[in-house]
Amino acid sequence: MSDITMIEAAARRLKGHIRRTPLLSSPFLDEIAGRRVLVKAEALQHTGSFKFRGGWSALSGLPEETRARGVFAYSSGNHAQGVALAAQKHGVPAVILMPSDAPALKIANTRALGAEVVTYDRATEDRDALGEALARARGLTLIRPYDAPLVIAGQGSVGLEIAEQTAEAGVDAADVLVCCGGGGLTSGIALALEAKAPGLRARPVEPAGFDDVARSLISGRIEENAQSSGSLCDAILTPKPGKLTFPIMARLCGPGLVVTERDCLRAMALAFSRLKIVLEPGGAVALAAALFQPGAVDGPAVIAVATGGNVDAALFAHVLAEFGDAS
């Protein structure tokens, strides 16, 4: 089970291999939100998302003989790229199972990093069953996207950095809004904050129609989404929270937040114009909640984790054309 000791150990393995991403701010965003907004720019991480942290943590934590046989992962793109780069840097093979409707950029980037990509139809095929069968047939070690202690520990390093950076910024009490799929990042951050910045509270943010974590936190049991696709926020579409991540979130996180796709796109345009960073829709949901749901958080400051920036150029151009003037 992941805990602060595992997170700190992962952070030591990550040192020198990841970027300590900045905590950004803009008076324009503060004005929109009606409070101080601090944005943890994980879109600037290697491979364009926080997922490289978990990928490196997982691979570097494997026994050498196991790692040498190769690794396998399933992902819509960001975990795929994180694992692919970690495998490349460790000099071991990687096979990635990706949905056929994943953004073309993510599939191309994963292949460019040296991984073999196998595609599937996420609307009709069982990802977990396909993945486990493929990994077993090839003798590969499965690196799960969120429900794995070493992955959670790696993502928790984001929380360690947030604790340090908010202290430097003079913020000791605030909600930390996290773009949430299966809960690996959210639970890792929550564990790190519990130990290092108890005045900060992690809260998951999800796109409308895919709010399984928010509903699970309300009911106290794992709830499942009715559909598995159909949102631009593909990076954080998962069927349900993880068996490992949900108990952590249930114990440590505040209520979940749900945002519209339109607000995600507006947040993307504002992140570009005011912070000069590129976000994908799924990587902008936390910022969207911070900006456009001011009544849902308390206090004079809010932290939003901008988790990923792997967006197709055509979609990003459309977002800027549609929403850029309003930012």
Foldseek 3Di string as FASTA:
>chain_A
DAFQVLLVVLVVQCPPPKDLFDFDFFVVLCVLLVFTETERLQCPIVVRFLLLLLLLLVLVPDDPVQPQLEAEEEALASVLLSNLQNNLVVVHAYEYEHEPPRPPLRVVNSVVSPYHYHYDHPQPDDPVVVRVVVCVVSVHHYRYSAQDRSSLSSLLVNLLSCLVNVVVVVDQAWEEEELAAQQSNQLSNQNSCVPRRVRYAYAYEYEPQQPQLLVCLVVVHKDFGPGQDDAQLNRRRDGIHYPRRNVSCSVTHDHYHYDYLLLLLLQQLCCCVGVVDAAGSSLRRQVSCSRPVSVVIDDRYYYYYRGGHSDDPVVNVVSCVVNNVVD
